[in-house]
Amino acid sequence: MSSTTNRSNLRWVVCGLLFLATTINYMDRTALGLVEPMLKHILGADQDISLYNQRYSDIVNCFIFAYGVGFLLAGRVVDRVGVKKGYALSIGTWALASLSHVLARSPFGFGMARFALGIGESGNFPSALKATADWFPVEERALATGLFNSGTSAGALIAPLLIPFVAVRYGWQSAFYTTGSLGLIWLVGWLLFPYD
């Protein structure tokens, strides 16, 4: 088998990895909203509902702010260190940030975890787009982009089915163990992949 044919086959593996990363990305970002009813006592809903609403809003805004700021930096990092390392750094950060929610016991703790998640997740699309440009010829890039980007819908579909199930069965922390572990498993696969 020629190296051109081998690369041709590997590019679809790359597309599959990008799809899985994007799916995990959207599962991670929706996990908090799916377990939010279980966190009301931690965030003070029993004391003052308007204060609770403000706290929850602040936590969500920590992610949004970090995600926006992260986009300004992520593309530059990926251009500088390459897709292999840049994507690994991104998903490693967001997987650990997802796991860090388990340690949160206050609005501040959840806000910090969400901020770190936003920073890590901002590297997904710059990395995936650069990987698509690296591996796919111009005439296939739109197809590859559409395929990996469908992970946003897959994540939004899978998360409401999986996250509440594990959270109700094993506690709210299990939601973040699940998403964080999926990210770490993906990271191992990415590091083992012969990305040239």
N, C-alpha and C. Protein backbone atom coordinates (compact mmCIF):
# COMPACT_ATOMS: atom_id res chain seq x y z
N MET A 1 0.86 -1.19 0.00
CA MET A 1 0.00 0.00 0.00
C MET A 1 0.89 1.24 0.00
N SER A 2 0.61 2.15 -0.87
CA SER A 2 1.44 3.35 -0.98
C SER A 2 1.17 4.28 0.19
N SER A 3 2.12 5.20 0.43
CA SER A 3 1.95 6.16 1.52
C SER A 3 0.79 7.11 1.23
N THR A 4 0.52 7.38 -0.07
CA THR A 4 -0.60 8.25 -0.42
C THR A 4 -1.93 7.59 -0.06
N THR A 5 -2.07 6.29 -0.35
CA THR A 5 -3.28 5.55 -0.01
C THR A 5 -3.44 5.47 1.51
N ASN A 6 -2.33 5.21 2.19
CA ASN A 6 -2.34 5.13 3.65
C ASN A 6 -2.80 6.44 4.25
N ARG A 7 -2.27 7.55 3.76
CA ARG A 7 -2.66 8.87 4.24
C ARG A 7 -4.13 9.13 3.92
N SER A 8 -4.57 8.66 2.75
CA SER A 8 -5.96 8.83 2.34
C SER A 8 -6.90 8.16 3.34
N ASN A 9 -6.54 6.99 3.79
CA ASN A 9 -7.37 6.28 4.77
C ASN A 9 -7.28 6.93 6.15
N LEU A 10 -6.10 7.37 6.51
CA LEU A 10 -5.91 7.97 7.83
C LEU A 10 -6.67 9.28 8.00
N ARG A 11 -6.89 10.00 6.91
CA ARG A 11 -7.57 11.28 7.04
C ARG A 11 -8.99 11.10 7.56
N TRP A 12 -9.62 9.96 7.26
CA TRP A 12 -10.98 9.72 7.75
C TRP A 12 -10.95 9.33 9.23
N VAL A 13 -9.85 8.73 9.66
CA VAL A 13 -9.67 8.48 11.09
C VAL A 13 -9.53 9.82 11.82
N VAL A 14 -8.77 10.74 11.22
CA VAL A 14 -8.64 12.09 11.79
C VAL A 14 -10.02 12.73 11.90
N CYS A 15 -10.81 12.64 10.85
CA CYS A 15 -12.16 13.23 10.86
C CYS A 15 -13.00 12.61 11.97
N GLY A 16 -12.88 11.30 12.16
CA GLY A 16 -13.61 10.63 13.24
C GLY A 16 -13.17 11.13 14.61
N LEU A 17 -11.87 11.32 14.78
CA LEU A 17 -11.36 11.85 16.05
C LEU A 17 -11.87 13.28 16.30
N LEU A 18 -11.91 14.09 15.24
CA LEU A 18 -12.41 15.46 15.37
C LEU A 18 -13.89 15.45 15.74
N PHE A 19 -14.65 14.54 15.14
CA PHE A 19 -16.07 14.39 15.46
C PHE A 19 -16.25 14.02 16.94
N LEU A 20 -15.47 13.04 17.41
CA LEU A 20 -15.59 12.61 18.81
C LEU A 20 -15.21 13.73 19.77
N ALA A 21 -14.15 14.47 19.45
CA ALA A 21 -13.74 15.58 20.32
C ALA A 21 -14.83 16.64 20.40
N THR A 22 -15.44 16.95 19.26
CA THR A 22 -16.49 17.96 19.23
C THR A 22 -17.73 17.47 19.99
N THR A 23 -18.02 16.18 19.89
CA THR A 23 -19.14 15.60 20.65
C THR A 23 -18.88 15.73 22.15
N ILE A 24 -17.69 15.37 22.59
CA ILE A 24 -17.34 15.48 24.01
C ILE A 24 -17.38 16.94 24.45
N ASN A 25 -16.91 17.83 23.58
CA ASN A 25 -16.92 19.26 23.87
C ASN A 25 -18.33 19.73 24.23
N TYR A 26 -19.31 19.33 23.44
CA TYR A 26 -20.68 19.77 23.70
C TYR A 26 -21.32 19.04 24.87
N MET A 27 -20.89 17.82 25.14
CA MET A 27 -21.38 17.13 26.33
C MET A 27 -20.86 17.83 27.59
N ASP A 28 -19.58 18.20 27.57
CA ASP A 28 -18.98 18.89 28.71
C ASP A 28 -19.69 20.20 29.03
N ARG A 29 -19.95 20.98 28.00
CA ARG A 29 -20.51 22.31 28.25
C ARG A 29 -21.95 22.25 28.72
N THR A 30 -22.69 21.17 28.41
CA THR A 30 -24.08 21.08 28.84
C THR A 30 -24.26 20.35 30.17
N ALA A 31 -23.21 19.71 30.66
CA ALA A 31 -23.33 18.89 31.87
C ALA A 31 -23.83 19.70 33.07
N LEU A 32 -23.31 20.90 33.26
CA LEU A 32 -23.72 21.69 34.42
C LEU A 32 -25.21 22.00 34.39
N GLY A 33 -25.72 22.42 33.26
CA GLY A 33 -27.14 22.73 33.16
C GLY A 33 -28.02 21.52 33.41
N LEU A 34 -27.52 20.34 33.05
CA LEU A 34 -28.30 19.12 33.23
C LEU A 34 -28.35 18.66 34.69
N VAL A 35 -27.33 19.00 35.47
CA VAL A 35 -27.33 18.60 36.89
C VAL A 35 -27.67 19.77 37.81
N GLU A 36 -27.93 20.93 37.24
CA GLU A 36 -28.21 22.13 38.04
C GLU A 36 -29.27 21.93 39.11
N PRO A 37 -30.38 21.21 38.83
CA PRO A 37 -31.36 21.02 39.92
C PRO A 37 -30.79 20.30 41.14
N MET A 38 -29.75 19.49 40.94
CA MET A 38 -29.14 18.76 42.05
C MET A 38 -28.16 19.63 42.83
N LEU A 39 -27.84 20.81 42.31
CA LEU A 39 -26.83 21.67 42.94
C LEU A 39 -27.45 22.83 43.71
N LYS A 40 -28.77 22.91 43.73
CA LYS A 40 -29.42 24.08 44.32
C LYS A 40 -29.04 24.28 45.78
N HIS A 41 -28.90 23.21 46.53
CA HIS A 41 -28.54 23.36 47.95
C HIS A 41 -27.11 23.88 48.11
N ILE A 42 -26.21 23.49 47.19
CA ILE A 42 -24.82 23.96 47.25
C ILE A 42 -24.75 25.45 46.91
N LEU A 43 -25.58 25.87 45.97
CA LEU A 43 -25.52 27.25 45.49
C LEU A 43 -26.46 28.19 46.25
N GLY A 44 -27.13 27.69 47.28
CA GLY A 44 -27.90 28.56 48.16
C GLY A 44 -29.33 28.86 47.76
N ALA A 45 -29.97 27.98 46.98
CA ALA A 45 -31.35 28.23 46.57
C ALA A 45 -32.31 28.20 47.76
N ASP A 46 -31.96 27.43 48.80
CA ASP A 46 -32.83 27.33 49.97
C ASP A 46 -32.79 28.61 50.82
N GLN A 47 -31.79 29.45 50.62
CA GLN A 47 -31.69 30.70 51.39
C GLN A 47 -32.39 31.85 50.68
N ASP A 48 -32.10 32.03 49.41
CA ASP A 48 -32.64 33.18 48.67
C ASP A 48 -32.60 32.84 47.19
N ILE A 49 -33.78 32.66 46.60
CA ILE A 49 -33.85 32.21 45.20
C ILE A 49 -33.28 33.24 44.24
N SER A 50 -33.45 34.53 44.51
CA SER A 50 -32.89 35.54 43.60
C SER A 50 -31.37 35.55 43.68
N LEU A 51 -30.83 35.33 44.88
CA LEU A 51 -29.38 35.23 45.03
C LEU A 51 -28.86 33.99 44.30
N TYR A 52 -29.61 32.90 44.40
CA TYR A 52 -29.24 31.67 43.69
C TYR A 52 -29.20 31.91 42.17
N ASN A 53 -30.23 32.56 41.66
CA ASN A 53 -30.28 32.84 40.22
C ASN A 53 -29.09 33.68 39.77
N GLN A 54 -28.72 34.66 40.60
CA GLN A 54 -27.57 35.49 40.27
C GLN A 54 -26.28 34.68 40.29
N ARG A 55 -26.15 33.82 41.30
CA ARG A 55 -24.95 32.99 41.39
C ARG A 55 -24.83 32.05 40.20
N TYR A 56 -25.94 31.42 39.85
CA TYR A 56 -25.90 30.48 38.72
C TYR A 56 -25.58 31.23 37.42
N SER A 57 -26.14 32.40 37.25
CA SER A 57 -25.86 33.22 36.08
C SER A 57 -24.38 33.59 36.02
N ASP A 58 -23.81 33.93 37.17
CA ASP A 58 -22.38 34.28 37.21
C ASP A 58 -21.51 33.08 36.82
N ILE A 59 -21.90 31.90 37.27
CA ILE A 59 -21.15 30.68 36.95
C ILE A 59 -21.18 30.42 35.44
N VAL A 60 -22.37 30.55 34.85
CA VAL A 60 -22.50 30.36 33.40
C VAL A 60 -21.68 31.40 32.65
N ASN A 61 -21.71 32.64 33.13
CA ASN A 61 -20.95 33.70 32.47
C ASN A 61 -19.44 33.50 32.56
N CYS A 62 -18.98 32.82 33.59
CA CYS A 62 -17.54 32.50 33.68
C CYS A 62 -17.11 31.67 32.49
N PHE A 63 -17.94 30.70 32.12
CA PHE A 63 -17.62 29.87 30.94
C PHE A 63 -17.65 30.72 29.67
N ILE A 64 -18.70 31.49 29.50
CA ILE A 64 -18.87 32.28 28.27
C ILE A 64 -17.72 33.26 28.09
N PHE A 65 -17.34 33.94 29.17
CA PHE A 65 -16.25 34.90 29.10
C PHE A 65 -14.94 34.20 28.73
N ALA A 66 -14.64 33.10 29.43
CA ALA A 66 -13.39 32.39 29.17
C ALA A 66 -13.36 31.81 27.76
N TYR A 67 -14.48 31.31 27.30
CA TYR A 67 -14.58 30.73 25.95
C TYR A 67 -14.29 31.80 24.90
N GLY A 68 -14.87 32.98 25.09
CA GLY A 68 -14.63 34.08 24.15
C GLY A 68 -13.18 34.54 24.17
N VAL A 69 -12.62 34.72 25.34
CA VAL A 69 -11.22 35.14 25.45
C VAL A 69 -10.30 34.05 24.92
N GLY A 70 -10.66 32.80 25.21
CA GLY A 70 -9.83 31.68 24.76
C GLY A 70 -9.70 31.61 23.25
N PHE A 71 -10.77 31.97 22.53
CA PHE A 71 -10.71 31.97 21.07
C PHE A 71 -9.63 32.91 20.56
N LEU A 72 -9.42 34.02 21.27
CA LEU A 72 -8.40 34.98 20.85
C LEU A 72 -6.99 34.39 20.96
N LEU A 73 -6.83 33.40 21.83
CA LEU A 73 -5.52 32.82 22.08
C LEU A 73 -5.32 31.46 21.43
N ALA A 74 -6.40 30.68 21.34
CA ALA A 74 -6.27 29.27 20.94
C ALA A 74 -5.69 29.11 19.54
N GLY A 75 -6.18 29.89 18.59
CA GLY A 75 -5.67 29.76 17.22
C GLY A 75 -4.19 30.05 17.13
N ARG A 76 -3.76 31.05 17.86
CA ARG A 76 -2.34 31.41 17.86
C ARG A 76 -1.49 30.28 18.46
N VAL A 77 -2.00 29.67 19.55
CA VAL A 77 -1.27 28.57 20.18
C VAL A 77 -1.16 27.38 19.22
N VAL A 78 -2.27 27.04 18.57
CA VAL A 78 -2.27 25.91 17.63
C VAL A 78 -1.33 26.19 16.45
N ASP A 79 -1.33 27.42 15.94
CA ASP A 79 -0.41 27.77 14.86
C ASP A 79 1.04 27.65 15.31
N ARG A 80 1.30 27.99 16.54
CA ARG A 80 2.68 27.98 17.04
C ARG A 80 3.20 26.59 17.36
N VAL A 81 2.38 25.78 18.06
CA VAL A 81 2.88 24.47 18.52
C VAL A 81 2.43 23.32 17.63
N GLY A 82 1.50 23.58 16.71
CA GLY A 82 0.99 22.52 15.83
C GLY A 82 -0.29 21.92 16.38
N VAL A 83 -1.00 21.23 15.49
CA VAL A 83 -2.30 20.67 15.85
C VAL A 83 -2.17 19.55 16.87
N LYS A 84 -1.20 18.69 16.69
CA LYS A 84 -1.06 17.54 17.60
C LYS A 84 -0.93 18.00 19.04
N LYS A 85 0.00 18.90 19.30
CA LYS A 85 0.22 19.39 20.67
C LYS A 85 -0.87 20.35 21.10
N GLY A 86 -1.30 21.22 20.20
CA GLY A 86 -2.32 22.21 20.55
C GLY A 86 -3.64 21.58 20.93
N TYR A 87 -4.07 20.59 20.15
CA TYR A 87 -5.32 19.90 20.46
C TYR A 87 -5.19 19.12 21.76
N ALA A 88 -4.05 18.48 21.96
CA ALA A 88 -3.82 17.73 23.20
C ALA A 88 -3.88 18.67 24.40
N LEU A 89 -3.28 19.83 24.28
CA LEU A 89 -3.31 20.82 25.36
C LEU A 89 -4.75 21.27 25.63
N SER A 90 -5.49 21.50 24.57
CA SER A 90 -6.86 21.96 24.69
C SER A 90 -7.75 20.94 25.39
N ILE A 91 -7.77 19.72 24.88
CA ILE A 91 -8.67 18.73 25.47
C ILE A 91 -8.16 18.25 26.82
N GLY A 92 -6.86 18.25 27.02
CA GLY A 92 -6.35 17.92 28.34
C GLY A 92 -6.81 18.93 29.38
N THR A 93 -6.77 20.21 28.99
CA THR A 93 -7.24 21.28 29.89
C THR A 93 -8.71 21.13 30.18
N TRP A 94 -9.53 20.92 29.13
CA TRP A 94 -10.96 20.88 29.38
C TRP A 94 -11.38 19.59 30.07
N ALA A 95 -10.68 18.48 29.85
CA ALA A 95 -11.01 17.24 30.57
C ALA A 95 -10.73 17.40 32.07
N LEU A 96 -9.58 17.98 32.39
CA LEU A 96 -9.25 18.20 33.80
C LEU A 96 -10.18 19.24 34.43
N ALA A 97 -10.56 20.25 33.65
CA ALA A 97 -11.51 21.26 34.15
C ALA A 97 -12.86 20.62 34.42
N SER A 98 -13.27 19.71 33.55
CA SER A 98 -14.53 19.01 33.76
C SER A 98 -14.47 18.20 35.05
N LEU A 99 -13.38 17.49 35.24
CA LEU A 99 -13.21 16.71 36.47
C LEU A 99 -13.15 17.60 37.71
N SER A 100 -12.64 18.82 37.56
CA SER A 100 -12.50 19.71 38.72
C SER A 100 -13.85 20.16 39.29
N HIS A 101 -14.93 20.04 38.51
CA HIS A 101 -16.26 20.37 39.03
C HIS A 101 -16.60 19.52 40.25
N VAL A 102 -16.06 18.32 40.29
CA VAL A 102 -16.33 17.39 41.40
C VAL A 102 -15.86 17.98 42.72
N LEU A 103 -14.82 18.78 42.68
CA LEU A 103 -14.25 19.36 43.90
C LEU A 103 -14.95 20.64 44.34
N ALA A 104 -15.77 21.21 43.47
CA ALA A 104 -16.42 22.49 43.77
C ALA A 104 -17.48 22.32 44.85
N ARG A 105 -17.47 23.24 45.80
CA ARG A 105 -18.44 23.22 46.89
C ARG A 105 -19.03 24.60 47.14
N SER A 106 -18.79 25.51 46.20
CA SER A 106 -19.28 26.88 46.36
C SER A 106 -19.48 27.48 44.97
N PRO A 107 -20.22 28.57 44.87
CA PRO A 107 -20.35 29.24 43.58
C PRO A 107 -18.99 29.64 42.99
N PHE A 108 -18.08 30.08 43.85
CA PHE A 108 -16.75 30.46 43.38
C PHE A 108 -16.04 29.25 42.77
N GLY A 109 -16.12 28.10 43.43
CA GLY A 109 -15.48 26.88 42.92
C GLY A 109 -16.04 26.46 41.57
N PHE A 110 -17.37 26.52 41.43
CA PHE A 110 -17.98 26.19 40.15
C PHE A 110 -17.60 27.21 39.08
N GLY A 111 -17.52 28.46 39.47
CA GLY A 111 -17.12 29.50 38.52
C GLY A 111 -15.71 29.27 38.01
N MET A 112 -14.80 28.91 38.89
CA MET A 112 -13.41 28.64 38.47
C MET A 112 -13.35 27.42 37.54
N ALA A 113 -14.13 26.39 37.87
CA ALA A 113 -14.15 25.19 37.02
C ALA A 113 -14.70 25.52 35.64
N ARG A 114 -15.76 26.34 35.60
CA ARG A 114 -16.35 26.72 34.31
C ARG A 114 -15.39 27.60 33.50
N PHE A 115 -14.68 28.48 34.19
CA PHE A 115 -13.71 29.33 33.50
C PHE A 115 -12.64 28.47 32.83
N ALA A 116 -12.09 27.51 33.58
CA ALA A 116 -11.06 26.63 33.03
C ALA A 116 -11.63 25.80 31.87
N LEU A 117 -12.87 25.37 32.00
CA LEU A 117 -13.51 24.61 30.92
C LEU A 117 -13.63 25.46 29.67
N GLY A 118 -14.02 26.72 29.82
CA GLY A 118 -14.13 27.62 28.67
C GLY A 118 -12.80 27.85 27.97
N ILE A 119 -11.75 28.02 28.75
CA ILE A 119 -10.42 28.20 28.17
C ILE A 119 -10.02 26.97 27.37
N GLY A 120 -10.20 25.79 27.96
CA GLY A 120 -9.83 24.55 27.26
C GLY A 120 -10.66 24.30 26.03
N GLU A 121 -11.97 24.49 26.14
CA GLU A 121 -12.85 24.19 25.02
C GLU A 121 -12.67 25.15 23.84
N SER A 122 -12.15 26.31 24.09
CA SER A 122 -11.97 27.27 23.00
C SER A 122 -10.96 26.77 21.97
N GLY A 123 -10.16 25.79 22.31
CA GLY A 123 -9.19 25.25 21.36
C GLY A 123 -9.75 24.22 20.40
N ASN A 124 -10.99 23.77 20.63
CA ASN A 124 -11.53 22.70 19.79
C ASN A 124 -11.64 23.11 18.32
N PHE A 125 -12.34 24.18 18.03
CA PHE A 125 -12.59 24.52 16.63
C PHE A 125 -11.35 25.00 15.89
N PRO A 126 -10.49 25.84 16.49
CA PRO A 126 -9.25 26.17 15.78
C PRO A 126 -8.41 24.92 15.46
N SER A 127 -8.34 23.99 16.40
CA SER A 127 -7.56 22.76 16.18
C SER A 127 -8.20 21.89 15.10
N ALA A 128 -9.51 21.72 15.19
CA ALA A 128 -10.21 20.86 14.23
C ALA A 128 -10.14 21.43 12.82
N LEU A 129 -10.28 22.74 12.69
CA LEU A 129 -10.21 23.35 11.36
C LEU A 129 -8.80 23.24 10.77
N LYS A 130 -7.80 23.43 11.61
CA LYS A 130 -6.42 23.31 11.11
C LYS A 130 -6.11 21.86 10.74
N ALA A 131 -6.59 20.91 11.53
CA ALA A 131 -6.38 19.50 11.21
C ALA A 131 -7.06 19.15 9.89
N THR A 132 -8.23 19.69 9.66
CA THR A 132 -8.94 19.45 8.40
C THR A 132 -8.14 20.01 7.23
N ALA A 133 -7.58 21.20 7.40
CA ALA A 133 -6.75 21.78 6.34
C ALA A 133 -5.48 20.97 6.13
N ASP A 134 -4.91 20.40 7.20
CA ASP A 134 -3.70 19.60 7.09
C ASP A 134 -3.94 18.28 6.35
N TRP A 135 -5.07 17.67 6.59
CA TRP A 135 -5.28 16.30 6.13
C TRP A 135 -6.16 16.15 4.89
N PHE A 136 -6.97 17.16 4.57
CA PHE A 136 -7.93 17.01 3.48
C PHE A 136 -7.60 17.94 2.32
N PRO A 137 -7.74 17.42 1.10
CA PRO A 137 -7.57 18.30 -0.06
C PRO A 137 -8.72 19.32 -0.09
N VAL A 138 -8.50 20.41 -0.78
CA VAL A 138 -9.46 21.51 -0.82
C VAL A 138 -10.86 21.03 -1.18
N GLU A 139 -10.97 20.10 -2.12
CA GLU A 139 -12.28 19.66 -2.59
C GLU A 139 -13.03 18.81 -1.57
N GLU A 140 -12.37 18.39 -0.48
CA GLU A 140 -13.05 17.58 0.55
C GLU A 140 -13.16 18.30 1.90
N ARG A 141 -12.64 19.49 2.01
CA ARG A 141 -12.61 20.16 3.31
C ARG A 141 -13.98 20.53 3.83
N ALA A 142 -14.87 20.95 2.97
CA ALA A 142 -16.22 21.30 3.42
C ALA A 142 -16.94 20.06 3.95
N LEU A 143 -16.77 18.92 3.30
CA LEU A 143 -17.37 17.67 3.77
C LEU A 143 -16.80 17.29 5.13
N ALA A 144 -15.48 17.32 5.25
CA ALA A 144 -14.84 16.96 6.52
C ALA A 144 -15.27 17.91 7.64
N THR A 145 -15.35 19.20 7.34
CA THR A 145 -15.78 20.18 8.34
C THR A 145 -17.22 19.91 8.77
N GLY A 146 -18.08 19.62 7.80
CA GLY A 146 -19.47 19.30 8.13
C GLY A 146 -19.58 18.05 8.99
N LEU A 147 -18.75 17.04 8.69
CA LEU A 147 -18.79 15.79 9.46
C LEU A 147 -18.34 16.01 10.90
N PHE A 148 -17.17 16.65 11.09
CA PHE A 148 -16.73 16.82 12.48
C PHE A 148 -17.63 17.78 13.23
N ASN A 149 -18.17 18.78 12.54
CA ASN A 149 -19.04 19.76 13.19
C ASN A 149 -20.38 19.16 13.59
N SER A 150 -20.76 18.04 12.98
CA SER A 150 -21.99 17.37 13.40
C SER A 150 -21.86 16.81 14.81
N GLY A 151 -20.65 16.78 15.34
CA GLY A 151 -20.44 16.40 16.73
C GLY A 151 -21.13 17.34 17.70
N THR A 152 -21.36 18.59 17.28
CA THR A 152 -22.10 19.53 18.15
C THR A 152 -23.51 19.01 18.40
N SER A 153 -24.15 18.53 17.34
CA SER A 153 -25.50 17.99 17.48
C SER A 153 -25.48 16.66 18.21
N ALA A 154 -24.48 15.83 17.92
CA ALA A 154 -24.39 14.54 18.60
C ALA A 154 -24.21 14.74 20.10
N GLY A 155 -23.35 15.68 20.49
CA GLY A 155 -23.14 15.96 21.90
C GLY A 155 -24.39 16.49 22.57
N ALA A 156 -25.09 17.38 21.87
CA ALA A 156 -26.33 17.95 22.42
C ALA A 156 -27.42 16.90 22.52
N LEU A 157 -27.36 15.85 21.71
CA LEU A 157 -28.33 14.76 21.77
C LEU A 157 -27.97 13.73 22.84
N ILE A 158 -26.71 13.37 22.93
CA ILE A 158 -26.26 12.33 23.86
C ILE A 158 -26.29 12.82 25.30
N ALA A 159 -25.86 14.06 25.53
CA ALA A 159 -25.75 14.56 26.91
C ALA A 159 -27.04 14.46 27.70
N PRO A 160 -28.20 14.89 27.19
CA PRO A 160 -29.43 14.79 27.99
C PRO A 160 -29.88 13.35 28.25
N LEU A 161 -29.37 12.43 27.46
CA LEU A 161 -29.69 11.02 27.68
C LEU A 161 -28.76 10.39 28.71
N LEU A 162 -27.49 10.74 28.64
CA LEU A 162 -26.47 10.11 29.49
C LEU A 162 -26.27 10.80 30.83
N ILE A 163 -26.11 12.12 30.81
CA ILE A 163 -25.73 12.86 32.02
C ILE A 163 -26.76 12.72 33.15
N PRO A 164 -28.05 12.98 32.90
CA PRO A 164 -29.01 12.83 34.00
C PRO A 164 -29.09 11.39 34.52
N PHE A 165 -28.92 10.42 33.61
CA PHE A 165 -28.97 9.02 34.03
C PHE A 165 -27.88 8.72 35.05
N VAL A 166 -26.62 9.08 34.71
CA VAL A 166 -25.53 8.77 35.65
C VAL A 166 -25.62 9.64 36.90
N ALA A 167 -26.11 10.88 36.76
CA ALA A 167 -26.20 11.77 37.92
C ALA A 167 -27.24 11.29 38.92
N VAL A 168 -28.39 10.86 38.43
CA VAL A 168 -29.44 10.37 39.33
C VAL A 168 -29.01 9.05 39.97
N ARG A 169 -28.36 8.22 39.20
CA ARG A 169 -27.97 6.90 39.69
C ARG A 169 -26.78 6.96 40.65
N TYR A 170 -25.79 7.82 40.35
CA TYR A 170 -24.54 7.81 41.11
C TYR A 170 -24.18 9.14 41.78
N GLY A 171 -25.00 10.15 41.63
CA GLY A 171 -24.71 11.46 42.22
C GLY A 171 -24.24 12.44 41.17
N TRP A 172 -24.43 13.74 41.45
CA TRP A 172 -24.12 14.76 40.45
C TRP A 172 -22.66 14.75 40.02
N GLN A 173 -21.76 14.34 40.92
CA GLN A 173 -20.33 14.33 40.57
C GLN A 173 -20.04 13.38 39.42
N SER A 174 -20.84 12.30 39.31
CA SER A 174 -20.59 11.31 38.26
C SER A 174 -20.76 11.90 36.87
N ALA A 175 -21.58 12.95 36.75
CA ALA A 175 -21.74 13.60 35.45
C ALA A 175 -20.39 14.15 34.97
N PHE A 176 -19.64 14.74 35.88
CA PHE A 176 -18.36 15.34 35.52
C PHE A 176 -17.24 14.29 35.43
N TYR A 177 -17.36 13.22 36.23
CA TYR A 177 -16.43 12.11 36.05
C TYR A 177 -16.59 11.52 34.65
N THR A 178 -17.84 11.42 34.21
CA THR A 178 -18.12 10.83 32.90
C THR A 178 -17.55 11.68 31.78
N THR A 179 -17.88 12.96 31.76
CA THR A 179 -17.41 13.81 30.66
C THR A 179 -15.89 13.99 30.71
N GLY A 180 -15.34 14.19 31.90
CA GLY A 180 -13.90 14.34 32.01
C GLY A 180 -13.15 13.09 31.58
N SER A 181 -13.68 11.92 31.94
CA SER A 181 -13.04 10.66 31.56
C SER A 181 -13.10 10.45 30.05
N LEU A 182 -14.21 10.80 29.43
CA LEU A 182 -14.31 10.69 27.98
C LEU A 182 -13.24 11.54 27.30
N GLY A 183 -13.02 12.74 27.84
CA GLY A 183 -11.99 13.61 27.29
C GLY A 183 -10.59 13.02 27.44
N LEU A 184 -10.32 12.42 28.59
CA LEU A 184 -8.99 11.82 28.81
C LEU A 184 -8.78 10.60 27.92
N ILE A 185 -9.84 9.81 27.72
CA ILE A 185 -9.73 8.65 26.82
C ILE A 185 -9.43 9.13 25.40
N TRP A 186 -10.14 10.19 24.96
CA TRP A 186 -9.88 10.74 23.63
C TRP A 186 -8.44 11.22 23.54
N LEU A 187 -7.96 11.87 24.58
CA LEU A 187 -6.60 12.40 24.59
C LEU A 187 -5.57 11.29 24.38
N VAL A 188 -5.77 10.15 25.03
CA VAL A 188 -4.85 9.03 24.85
C VAL A 188 -4.86 8.57 23.39
N GLY A 189 -6.06 8.44 22.81
CA GLY A 189 -6.15 8.06 21.40
C GLY A 189 -5.47 9.05 20.48
N TRP A 190 -5.64 10.34 20.77
CA TRP A 190 -5.02 11.40 19.96
C TRP A 190 -3.50 11.34 20.06
N LEU A 191 -2.98 11.13 21.26
CA LEU A 191 -1.54 11.08 21.43
C LEU A 191 -0.93 9.86 20.77
N LEU A 192 -1.68 8.77 20.69
CA LEU A 192 -1.18 7.55 20.04
C LEU A 192 -1.30 7.61 18.52
N PHE A 193 -2.15 8.51 18.02
CA PHE A 193 -2.37 8.59 16.58
C PHE A 193 -1.13 9.17 15.90
N PRO A 194 -0.71 8.57 14.78
CA PRO A 194 0.51 9.04 14.09
C PRO A 194 0.24 10.30 13.26
N TYR A 195 0.02 11.40 13.94
CA TYR A 195 -0.26 12.66 13.25
C TYR A 195 1.04 13.21 12.69
N ASP A 196 1.10 13.38 11.38
CA ASP A 196 2.33 13.85 10.75
C ASP A 196 2.14 15.31 10.36
